[in-house]
Amino acid sequence: MKIFAIPILRNHFTYYTYYCHGKPKRVTYLSKITDLATKKWDQLYHADKNSWKGKLYSTGLQLLDKIDHQEYFLKSIPLEEDVEKDIPLNGNVDMKNNIQLNEKKVNYETDDRNYVPLLYPSKVVNSEQIMTTLEQMLVQRLPYHRKYMIYSALCVPLTSTFTLIPVLPNIPLFYNLFRLYSHYKAFKGAQHLQFIIKDKRLTPMDSHILDQIYNGIDLNNYGILDENRIHKMAHELNVLGLDVDVKRARLQILEKIKSEPQEKQVEVDNNNKQKTEKR
């Protein structure tokens, strides 16, 4: 398993997204059900765009794109028993099973702990910054996913009673089950990652490939990671799934940045209105 820290842009602080790439060691019953549901969903792509299946697929894609990119990252983190011990492919790697991690050598032959590399562009950020940001995210996301996992579970009996037109499936139930599964996976993934950090097994290391891709971008002067570099990043790292996830995160972060001044202005207007009413 490897984790990539990808800075997107920087204003008053740096906006990151993270991507987890792991090798599953075993196929579970839950993963089989998930794969089957994914195949069924993908089949809707070929449906007539004007049919209810085509419209359902289009609406579903819009909902999926609105799911927070941090949730996508956390639910991609497998459990300890579901991953294989892996040697990082990037950074200062010695092919004799020794790996240089922040000037500290870890020997995979004598240390049976499963170390997880955290790769990042060292010319853009440092290891302390990405670790601090990651730990803060876990503190926020753990209670969030736990709360909404419970809410989704409580809504299952209610949505299971919905009766729609006979030819249509119970879409509210299916969507609620999907959100229950998604929050559960994100919660368990956050728990696992937090345990890895406390066990001092998350080991930051610089990636020469990421440094090359970020060459020419000055995040301090309003530089933004563009989609072409993201596409190149996925191919250079040989992690093709990174392309879609990082582009989605980039779009969400840019939309969040655009909405921030409006939200602050609304807050100022409300405060001024309250002061006027008191007078």
C-alpha atoms as a PDB file:
ATOM      1  CA  MET A   1       0.000   0.000   0.000  1.00  0.00           C
ATOM      2  CA  LYS A   2       1.225   3.500  -0.881  1.00  0.00           C
ATOM      3  CA  ILE A   3      -0.245   6.927  -0.157  1.00  0.00           C
ATOM      4  CA  PHE A   4       0.408   9.956  -2.355  1.00  0.00           C
ATOM      5  CA  ALA A   5       0.133  13.533  -1.043  1.00  0.00           C
ATOM      6  CA  ILE A   6      -0.859  15.823  -3.925  1.00  0.00           C
ATOM      7  CA  PRO A   7      -0.841  19.620  -3.312  1.00  0.00           C
ATOM      8  CA  ILE A   8      -3.417  21.337  -5.533  1.00  0.00           C
ATOM      9  CA  LEU A   9      -2.969  25.035  -4.725  1.00  0.00           C
ATOM     10  CA  ARG A  10      -2.058  27.394  -1.919  1.00  0.00           C
ATOM     11  CA  ASN A  11      -3.580  30.657  -0.688  1.00  0.00           C
ATOM     12  CA  HIS A  12      -3.601  31.220   3.085  1.00  0.00           C
ATOM     13  CA  PHE A  13      -2.789  27.515   3.464  1.00  0.00           C
ATOM     14  CA  THR A  14      -2.118  24.584   1.161  1.00  0.00           C
ATOM     15  CA  TYR A  15      -4.978  22.495  -0.235  1.00  0.00           C
ATOM     16  CA  TYR A  16      -4.088  18.831  -0.578  1.00  0.00           C
ATOM     17  CA  THR A  17      -5.676  15.704  -1.812  1.00  0.00           C
ATOM     18  CA  TYR A  18      -4.456  12.225  -0.928  1.00  0.00           C
ATOM     19  CA  TYR A  19      -4.592   9.033  -2.961  1.00  0.00           C
ATOM     20  CA  CYS A  20      -4.163   5.473  -1.698  1.00  0.00           C
ATOM     21  CA  HIS A  21      -2.864   2.747  -3.976  1.00  0.00           C
ATOM     22  CA  GLY A  22      -2.935  -0.751  -2.524  1.00  0.00           C
ATOM     23  CA  LYS A  23      -2.671  -4.367  -3.597  1.00  0.00           C
ATOM     24  CA  PRO A  24      -5.540  -6.447  -2.160  1.00  0.00           C
ATOM     25  CA  LYS A  25      -4.327  -9.724  -0.696  1.00  0.00           C
ATOM     26  CA  ARG A  26      -7.684 -11.430  -0.563  1.00  0.00           C
ATOM     27  CA  VAL A  27     -11.169 -11.166  -2.006  1.00  0.00           C
ATOM     28  CA  THR A  28     -13.864 -10.757   0.641  1.00  0.00           C
ATOM     29  CA  TYR A  29     -17.596 -11.388   0.369  1.00  0.00           C
ATOM     30  CA  LEU A  30     -18.233  -7.655   0.699  1.00  0.00           C
ATOM     31  CA  SER A  31     -15.777  -6.863  -2.108  1.00  0.00           C
ATOM     32  CA  LYS A  32     -17.521  -9.410  -4.359  1.00  0.00           C
ATOM     33  CA  ILE A  33     -20.885  -7.714  -3.772  1.00  0.00           C
ATOM     34  CA  THR A  34     -19.315  -4.308  -4.389  1.00  0.00           C
ATOM     35  CA  ASP A  35     -17.712  -5.452  -7.656  1.00  0.00           C
ATOM     36  CA  LEU A  36     -21.031  -6.919  -8.832  1.00  0.00           C
ATOM     37  CA  ALA A  37     -22.899  -3.704  -8.013  1.00  0.00           C
ATOM     38  CA  THR A  38     -20.220  -1.673  -9.811  1.00  0.00           C
ATOM     39  CA  LYS A  39     -20.557  -3.804 -12.949  1.00  0.00           C
ATOM     40  CA  LYS A  40     -24.333  -3.414 -12.900  1.00  0.00           C
ATOM     41  CA  TRP A  41     -23.954   0.332 -12.524  1.00  0.00           C
ATOM     42  CA  ASP A  42     -21.434   0.558 -15.369  1.00  0.00           C
ATOM     43  CA  GLN A  43     -23.872  -1.252 -17.662  1.00  0.00           C
ATOM     44  CA  LEU A  44     -26.229   1.734 -17.372  1.00  0.00           C
ATOM     45  CA  TYR A  45     -23.686   3.766 -19.351  1.00  0.00           C
ATOM     46  CA  HIS A  46     -24.932   2.096 -22.545  1.00  0.00           C
ATOM     47  CA  ALA A  47     -28.592   2.835 -21.815  1.00  0.00           C
ATOM     48  CA  ASP A  48     -30.557   5.322 -23.913  1.00  0.00           C
ATOM     49  CA  LYS A  49     -29.855   8.810 -22.538  1.00  0.00           C
ATOM     50  CA  ASN A  50     -33.572   9.660 -22.658  1.00  0.00           C
ATOM     51  CA  SER A  51     -34.684   6.500 -20.868  1.00  0.00           C
ATOM     52  CA  TRP A  52     -35.113   6.318 -17.100  1.00  0.00           C
ATOM     53  CA  LYS A  53     -31.951   4.197 -16.900  1.00  0.00           C
ATOM     54  CA  GLY A  54     -29.957   6.789 -18.835  1.00  0.00           C
ATOM     55  CA  LYS A  55     -31.299   9.627 -16.687  1.00  0.00           C
ATOM     56  CA  LEU A  56     -30.628   7.614 -13.537  1.00  0.00           C
ATOM     57  CA  TYR A  57     -27.022   7.062 -14.630  1.00  0.00           C
ATOM     58  CA  SER A  58     -26.526  10.764 -15.444  1.00  0.00           C
ATOM     59  CA  THR A  59     -27.990  11.878 -12.108  1.00  0.00           C
ATOM     60  CA  GLY A  60     -25.939   9.273 -10.275  1.00  0.00           C
ATOM     61  CA  LEU A  61     -22.692  10.541 -11.787  1.00  0.00           C
ATOM     62  CA  GLN A  62     -23.509  14.058 -10.627  1.00  0.00           C
ATOM     63  CA  LEU A  63     -24.131  12.789  -7.094  1.00  0.00           C
ATOM     64  CA  LEU A  64     -20.891  10.780  -7.118  1.00  0.00           C
ATOM     65  CA  ASP A  65     -18.880  13.826  -8.191  1.00  0.00           C
ATOM     66  CA  LYS A  66     -20.278  15.774  -5.229  1.00  0.00           C
ATOM     67  CA  ILE A  67     -19.024  13.256  -2.672  1.00  0.00           C
ATOM     68  CA  ASP A  68     -16.077  14.831  -0.877  1.00  0.00           C
ATOM     69  CA  HIS A  69     -12.670  13.822  -2.268  1.00  0.00           C
ATOM     70  CA  GLN A  70     -11.474  13.081   1.275  1.00  0.00           C
ATOM     71  CA  GLU A  71     -14.167  10.421   1.567  1.00  0.00           C
ATOM     72  CA  TYR A  72     -12.966   8.792  -1.657  1.00  0.00           C
ATOM     73  CA  PHE A  73      -9.448   8.695  -0.244  1.00  0.00           C
ATOM     74  CA  LEU A  74     -10.380   7.267   3.150  1.00  0.00           C
ATOM     75  CA  LYS A  75     -12.625   4.519   1.808  1.00  0.00           C
ATOM     76  CA  SER A  76      -9.841   3.389  -0.533  1.00  0.00           C
ATOM     77  CA  ILE A  77      -7.634   2.513   2.459  1.00  0.00           C
ATOM     78  CA  PRO A  78      -7.891  -1.259   2.991  1.00  0.00           C
ATOM     79  CA  LEU A  79      -7.816  -3.051   6.314  1.00  0.00           C
ATOM     80  CA  GLU A  80      -4.497  -4.410   7.604  1.00  0.00           C
ATOM     81  CA  GLU A  81      -5.397  -8.003   6.776  1.00  0.00           C
ATOM     82  CA  ASP A  82      -6.420  -7.073   3.234  1.00  0.00           C
ATOM     83  CA  VAL A  83      -3.104  -5.618   2.057  1.00  0.00           C
ATOM     84  CA  GLU A  84       0.231  -7.107   1.085  1.00  0.00           C
ATOM     85  CA  LYS A  85       3.564  -5.846   2.337  1.00  0.00           C
ATOM     86  CA  ASP A  86       4.873  -3.608  -0.418  1.00  0.00           C
ATOM     87  CA  ILE A  87       8.103  -1.840  -1.235  1.00  0.00           C
ATOM     88  CA  PRO A  88       7.736   1.740  -2.532  1.00  0.00           C
ATOM     89  CA  LEU A  89       8.529   2.229  -6.201  1.00  0.00           C
ATOM     90  CA  ASN A  90       9.606   5.875  -5.963  1.00  0.00           C
ATOM     91  CA  GLY A  91      12.111   7.784  -3.913  1.00  0.00           C
ATOM     92  CA  ASN A  92      15.511   6.714  -2.598  1.00  0.00           C
ATOM     93  CA  VAL A  93      15.079   2.954  -2.914  1.00  0.00           C
ATOM     94  CA  ASP A  94      17.813   0.352  -2.537  1.00  0.00           C
ATOM     95  CA  MET A  95      16.871  -2.816  -4.416  1.00  0.00           C
ATOM     96  CA  LYS A  96      18.365  -4.961  -1.618  1.00  0.00           C
ATOM     97  CA  ASN A  97      15.191  -4.435   0.428  1.00  0.00           C
ATOM     98  CA  ASN A  98      16.643  -1.389   2.187  1.00  0.00           C
ATOM     99  CA  ILE A  99      14.792   1.880   1.729  1.00  0.00           C
ATOM    100  CA  GLN A 100      15.884   5.371   2.707  1.00  0.00           C
ATOM    101  CA  LEU A 101      13.062   7.125   4.553  1.00  0.00           C
ATOM    102  CA  ASN A 102      13.855  10.634   5.801  1.00  0.00           C
ATOM    103  CA  GLU A 103      17.471   9.683   6.525  1.00  0.00           C
ATOM    104  CA  LYS A 104      16.369   6.572   8.436  1.00  0.00           C
ATOM    105  CA  LYS A 105      16.831   3.073   7.013  1.00  0.00           C
ATOM    106  CA  VAL A 106      14.158   0.460   7.395  1.00  0.00           C
ATOM    107  CA  ASN A 107      15.108  -3.108   6.572  1.00  0.00           C
ATOM    108  CA  TYR A 108      12.128  -5.126   5.383  1.00  0.00           C
ATOM    109  CA  GLU A 109      13.973  -8.382   6.146  1.00  0.00           C
ATOM    110  CA  THR A 110      14.483  -7.692   9.858  1.00  0.00           C
ATOM    111  CA  ASP A 111      11.461  -5.469  10.586  1.00  0.00           C
ATOM    112  CA  ASP A 112       8.196  -7.391  10.168  1.00  0.00           C
ATOM    113  CA  ARG A 113       6.012  -4.309  10.572  1.00  0.00           C
ATOM    114  CA  ASN A 114       4.215  -3.302   7.399  1.00  0.00           C
ATOM    115  CA  TYR A 115       5.511   0.194   6.682  1.00  0.00           C
ATOM    116  CA  VAL A 116       3.378   2.445   4.498  1.00  0.00           C
ATOM    117  CA  PRO A 117       5.188   5.034   2.347  1.00  0.00           C
ATOM    118  CA  LEU A 118       3.720   8.517   2.053  1.00  0.00           C
ATOM    119  CA  LEU A 119       5.115   9.992  -1.162  1.00  0.00           C
ATOM    120  CA  TYR A 120       5.138  13.750  -1.721  1.00  0.00           C
ATOM    121  CA  PRO A 121       6.878  16.453  -3.816  1.00  0.00           C
ATOM    122  CA  SER A 122       9.631  17.657  -1.497  1.00  0.00           C
ATOM    123  CA  LYS A 123      10.272  20.799  -3.568  1.00  0.00           C
ATOM    124  CA  VAL A 124       6.719  21.993  -2.887  1.00  0.00           C
ATOM    125  CA  VAL A 125       5.984  20.895   0.688  1.00  0.00           C
ATOM    126  CA  ASN A 126       7.807  19.191   3.543  1.00  0.00           C
ATOM    127  CA  SER A 127       6.950  16.041   5.471  1.00  0.00           C
ATOM    128  CA  GLU A 128       5.845  17.940   8.591  1.00  0.00           C
ATOM    129  CA  GLN A 129       3.229  19.877   6.622  1.00  0.00           C
ATOM    130  CA  ILE A 130       1.659  16.842   4.985  1.00  0.00           C
ATOM    131  CA  MET A 131       1.636  14.819   8.208  1.00  0.00           C
ATOM    132  CA  THR A 132       0.009  17.659  10.148  1.00  0.00           C
ATOM    133  CA  THR A 133      -2.647  18.149   7.466  1.00  0.00           C
ATOM    134  CA  LEU A 134      -3.338  14.422   7.298  1.00  0.00           C
ATOM    135  CA  GLU A 135      -3.722  14.065  11.063  1.00  0.00           C
ATOM    136  CA  GLN A 136      -6.047  17.077  11.218  1.00  0.00           C
ATOM    137  CA  MET A 137      -8.187  15.573   8.469  1.00  0.00           C
ATOM    138  CA  LEU A 138      -8.535  12.305  10.394  1.00  0.00           C
ATOM    139  CA  VAL A 139      -9.615  14.142  13.544  1.00  0.00           C
ATOM    140  CA  GLN A 140     -12.396  15.816  11.536  1.00  0.00           C
ATOM    141  CA  ARG A 141     -13.482  12.912   9.347  1.00  0.00           C
ATOM    142  CA  LEU A 142     -13.686  10.111  11.939  1.00  0.00           C
ATOM    143  CA  PRO A 143     -16.655  11.544  13.893  1.00  0.00           C
ATOM    144  CA  TYR A 144     -18.235  12.806  10.656  1.00  0.00           C
ATOM    145  CA  HIS A 145     -18.340   9.382   8.991  1.00  0.00           C
ATOM    146  CA  ARG A 146     -19.355   7.669  12.213  1.00  0.00           C
ATOM    147  CA  LYS A 147     -22.340  10.012  12.598  1.00  0.00           C
ATOM    148  CA  TYR A 148     -23.564   9.677   9.029  1.00  0.00           C
ATOM    149  CA  MET A 149     -22.957   5.933   9.014  1.00  0.00           C
ATOM    150  CA  ILE A 150     -25.409   5.690  11.932  1.00  0.00           C
ATOM    151  CA  TYR A 151     -27.892   8.015  10.210  1.00  0.00           C
ATOM    152  CA  SER A 152     -27.780   5.929   7.029  1.00  0.00           C
ATOM    153  CA  ALA A 153     -28.292   2.725   9.005  1.00  0.00           C
ATOM    154  CA  LEU A 154     -31.325   4.209  10.757  1.00  0.00           C
ATOM    155  CA  CYS A 155     -32.792   5.241   7.392  1.00  0.00           C
ATOM    156  CA  VAL A 156     -32.568   1.747   5.874  1.00  0.00           C
ATOM    157  CA  PRO A 157     -35.855   0.470   7.413  1.00  0.00           C
ATOM    158  CA  LEU A 158     -37.664   3.620   6.271  1.00  0.00           C
ATOM    159  CA  THR A 159     -36.392   3.596   2.680  1.00  0.00           C
ATOM    160  CA  SER A 160     -37.000  -0.153   2.380  1.00  0.00           C
ATOM    161  CA  THR A 161     -40.743   0.523   2.707  1.00  0.00           C
ATOM    162  CA  PHE A 162     -40.827   2.930  -0.243  1.00  0.00           C
ATOM    163  CA  THR A 163     -42.979   1.667  -3.092  1.00  0.00           C
ATOM    164  CA  LEU A 164     -42.376   3.316  -6.436  1.00  0.00           C
ATOM    165  CA  ILE A 165     -43.745   2.534  -9.869  1.00  0.00           C
ATOM    166  CA  PRO A 166     -43.549  -1.265 -10.164  1.00  0.00           C
ATOM    167  CA  VAL A 167     -41.113  -1.204 -13.098  1.00  0.00           C
ATOM    168  CA  LEU A 168     -38.646   0.993 -11.174  1.00  0.00           C
ATOM    169  CA  PRO A 169     -36.295  -0.271  -8.450  1.00  0.00           C
ATOM    170  CA  ASN A 170     -36.312   1.199  -4.966  1.00  0.00           C
ATOM    171  CA  ILE A 171     -33.773   3.916  -5.780  1.00  0.00           C
ATOM    172  CA  PRO A 172     -33.891   5.634  -2.333  1.00  0.00           C
ATOM    173  CA  LEU A 173     -33.028   2.330  -0.659  1.00  0.00           C
ATOM    174  CA  PHE A 174     -30.170   1.566  -3.049  1.00  0.00           C
ATOM    175  CA  TYR A 175     -28.712   5.060  -2.654  1.00  0.00           C
ATOM    176  CA  ASN A 176     -29.027   4.906   1.129  1.00  0.00           C
ATOM    177  CA  LEU A 177     -27.285   1.510   1.204  1.00  0.00           C
ATOM    178  CA  PHE A 178     -24.513   2.941  -0.970  1.00  0.00           C
ATOM    179  CA  ARG A 179     -24.024   5.882   1.392  1.00  0.00           C
ATOM    180  CA  LEU A 180     -24.054   3.523   4.389  1.00  0.00           C
ATOM    181  CA  TYR A 181     -21.340   1.402   2.746  1.00  0.00           C
ATOM    182  CA  SER A 182     -19.345   4.484   1.726  1.00  0.00           C
ATOM    183  CA  HIS A 183     -19.376   6.020   5.223  1.00  0.00           C
ATOM    184  CA  TYR A 184     -18.516   2.637   6.754  1.00  0.00           C
ATOM    185  CA  LYS A 185     -15.531   2.163   4.436  1.00  0.00           C
ATOM    186  CA  ALA A 186     -14.330   5.734   5.032  1.00  0.00           C
ATOM    187  CA  PHE A 187     -14.689   5.329   8.814  1.00  0.00           C
ATOM    188  CA  LYS A 188     -12.776   2.039   8.866  1.00  0.00           C
ATOM    189  CA  GLY A 189     -10.156   3.441   6.513  1.00  0.00           C
ATOM    190  CA  ALA A 190      -9.659   6.489   8.759  1.00  0.00           C
ATOM    191  CA  GLN A 191      -9.346   4.234  11.799  1.00  0.00           C
ATOM    192  CA  HIS A 192      -6.745   2.080  10.059  1.00  0.00           C
ATOM    193  CA  LEU A 193      -4.729   5.077   8.879  1.00  0.00           C
ATOM    194  CA  GLN A 194      -4.828   6.652  12.332  1.00  0.00           C
ATOM    195  CA  PHE A 195      -3.517   3.386  13.803  1.00  0.00           C
ATOM    196  CA  ILE A 196      -0.700   3.290  11.205  1.00  0.00           C
ATOM    197  CA  ILE A 197       0.317   6.846  12.160  1.00  0.00           C
ATOM    198  CA  LYS A 198       0.271   6.103  15.911  1.00  0.00           C
ATOM    199  CA  ASP A 199       2.295   2.934  15.279  1.00  0.00           C
ATOM    200  CA  LYS A 200       4.860   5.113  13.437  1.00  0.00           C
ATOM    201  CA  ARG A 201       4.535   3.052  10.267  1.00  0.00           C
ATOM    202  CA  LEU A 202       3.522   5.900   7.950  1.00  0.00           C
ATOM    203  CA  THR A 203       6.877   6.946   6.529  1.00  0.00           C
ATOM    204  CA  PRO A 204       7.069  10.150   4.435  1.00  0.00           C
ATOM    205  CA  MET A 205       9.487  10.018   1.526  1.00  0.00           C
ATOM    206  CA  ASP A 206      10.152  12.377  -1.342  1.00  0.00           C
ATOM    207  CA  SER A 207       9.267  11.314  -4.876  1.00  0.00           C
ATOM    208  CA  HIS A 208      11.528  12.387  -7.728  1.00  0.00           C
ATOM    209  CA  ILE A 209       8.678  11.829 -10.180  1.00  0.00           C
ATOM    210  CA  LEU A 210       6.380  14.198  -8.282  1.00  0.00           C
ATOM    211  CA  ASP A 211       9.191  16.770  -8.012  1.00  0.00           C
ATOM    212  CA  GLN A 212       9.621  16.695 -11.794  1.00  0.00           C
ATOM    213  CA  ILE A 213       5.890  17.055 -12.427  1.00  0.00           C
ATOM    214  CA  TYR A 214       5.630  20.057 -10.080  1.00  0.00           C
ATOM    215  CA  ASN A 215       8.647  21.683 -11.716  1.00  0.00           C
ATOM    216  CA  GLY A 216       7.543  25.069 -13.063  1.00  0.00           C
ATOM    217  CA  ILE A 217       4.549  25.461 -10.727  1.00  0.00           C
ATOM    218  CA  ASP A 218       4.894  28.150  -8.079  1.00  0.00           C
ATOM    219  CA  LEU A 219       2.093  27.503  -5.611  1.00  0.00           C
ATOM    220  CA  ASN A 220       3.199  30.549  -3.630  1.00  0.00           C
ATOM    221  CA  ASN A 221       2.274  32.782  -6.587  1.00  0.00           C
ATOM    222  CA  TYR A 222      -1.216  31.417  -7.256  1.00  0.00           C
ATOM    223  CA  GLY A 223       0.012  28.418  -9.213  1.00  0.00           C
ATOM    224  CA  ILE A 224      -2.492  25.559  -9.558  1.00  0.00           C
ATOM    225  CA  LEU A 225      -1.878  21.921 -10.441  1.00  0.00           C
ATOM    226  CA  ASP A 226      -3.427  21.571 -13.911  1.00  0.00           C
ATOM    227  CA  GLU A 227      -5.193  18.553 -15.421  1.00  0.00           C
ATOM    228  CA  ASN A 228      -2.414  17.799 -17.921  1.00  0.00           C
ATOM    229  CA  ARG A 229       0.090  17.394 -15.108  1.00  0.00           C
ATOM    230  CA  ILE A 230      -2.365  15.192 -13.198  1.00  0.00           C
ATOM    231  CA  HIS A 231      -2.732  12.958 -16.268  1.00  0.00           C
ATOM    232  CA  LYS A 232       1.049  12.791 -16.618  1.00  0.00           C
ATOM    233  CA  MET A 233       1.390  12.068 -12.909  1.00  0.00           C
ATOM    234  CA  ALA A 234      -0.909   9.039 -13.109  1.00  0.00           C
ATOM    235  CA  HIS A 235       1.048   7.555 -16.041  1.00  0.00           C
ATOM    236  CA  GLU A 236       4.522   8.330 -14.679  1.00  0.00           C
ATOM    237  CA  LEU A 237       3.639   6.750 -11.327  1.00  0.00           C
ATOM    238  CA  ASN A 238       1.832   3.895 -13.112  1.00  0.00           C
ATOM    239  CA  VAL A 239      -1.257   4.503 -10.965  1.00  0.00           C
ATOM    240  CA  LEU A 240      -3.986   5.125 -13.536  1.00  0.00           C
ATOM    241  CA  GLY A 241      -6.802   5.410 -10.981  1.00  0.00           C
ATOM    242  CA  LEU A 242      -5.120   8.506  -9.569  1.00  0.00           C
ATOM    243  CA  ASP A 243      -6.126  10.504 -12.659  1.00  0.00           C
ATOM    244  CA  VAL A 244      -9.890  10.540 -12.028  1.00  0.00           C
ATOM    245  CA  ASP A 245      -9.686  10.996  -8.246  1.00  0.00           C
ATOM    246  CA  VAL A 246      -7.201  13.886  -8.282  1.00  0.00           C
ATOM    247  CA  LYS A 247      -9.062  15.703 -11.064  1.00  0.00           C
ATOM    248  CA  ARG A 248     -12.289  15.376  -9.060  1.00  0.00           C
ATOM    249  CA  ALA A 249     -10.523  16.703  -5.964  1.00  0.00           C
ATOM    250  CA  ARG A 250      -9.062  19.608  -7.954  1.00  0.00           C
ATOM    251  CA  LEU A 251     -12.516  20.605  -9.202  1.00  0.00           C
ATOM    252  CA  GLN A 252     -14.026  20.421  -5.703  1.00  0.00           C
ATOM    253  CA  ILE A 253     -11.201  22.468  -4.189  1.00  0.00           C
ATOM    254  CA  LEU A 254     -11.480  25.167  -6.869  1.00  0.00           C
ATOM    255  CA  GLU A 255     -15.253  25.374  -6.326  1.00  0.00           C
ATOM    256  CA  LYS A 256     -14.677  25.654  -2.581  1.00  0.00           C
ATOM    257  CA  ILE A 257     -12.182  28.483  -3.085  1.00  0.00           C
ATOM    258  CA  LYS A 258     -14.657  30.370  -5.285  1.00  0.00           C
ATOM    259  CA  SER A 259     -17.427  30.063  -2.688  1.00  0.00           C
ATOM    260  CA  GLU A 260     -15.301  31.205   0.273  1.00  0.00           C
ATOM    261  CA  PRO A 261     -15.485  34.990  -0.418  1.00  0.00           C
ATOM    262  CA  GLN A 262     -19.266  34.723  -0.917  1.00  0.00           C
ATOM    263  CA  GLU A 263     -19.683  32.835   2.346  1.00  0.00           C
ATOM    264  CA  LYS A 264     -17.620  35.441   4.199  1.00  0.00           C
ATOM    265  CA  GLN A 265     -19.638  38.270   2.631  1.00  0.00           C
ATOM    266  CA  VAL A 266     -22.898  36.612   3.670  1.00  0.00           C
ATOM    267  CA  GLU A 267     -21.561  36.284   7.217  1.00  0.00           C
ATOM    268  CA  VAL A 268     -20.580  39.975   7.270  1.00  0.00           C
ATOM    269  CA  ASP A 269     -24.009  41.018   5.915  1.00  0.00           C
ATOM    270  CA  ASN A 270     -25.783  38.945   8.580  1.00  0.00           C
ATOM    271  CA  ASN A 271     -23.675  40.479  11.338  1.00  0.00           C
ATOM    272  CA  ASN A 272     -24.400  43.989  10.055  1.00  0.00           C
ATOM    273  CA  LYS A 273     -28.112  43.189   9.869  1.00  0.00           C
ATOM    274  CA  GLN A 274     -28.132  41.945  13.470  1.00  0.00           C
ATOM    275  CA  LYS A 275     -26.363  45.113  14.652  1.00  0.00           C
ATOM    276  CA  THR A 276     -28.916  47.288  12.795  1.00  0.00           C
ATOM    277  CA  GLU A 277     -31.844  45.405  14.331  1.00  0.00           C
ATOM    278  CA  LYS A 278     -30.417  45.862  17.839  1.00  0.00           C
ATOM    279  CA  ARG A 279     -30.256  49.609  17.282  1.00  0.00           C
END
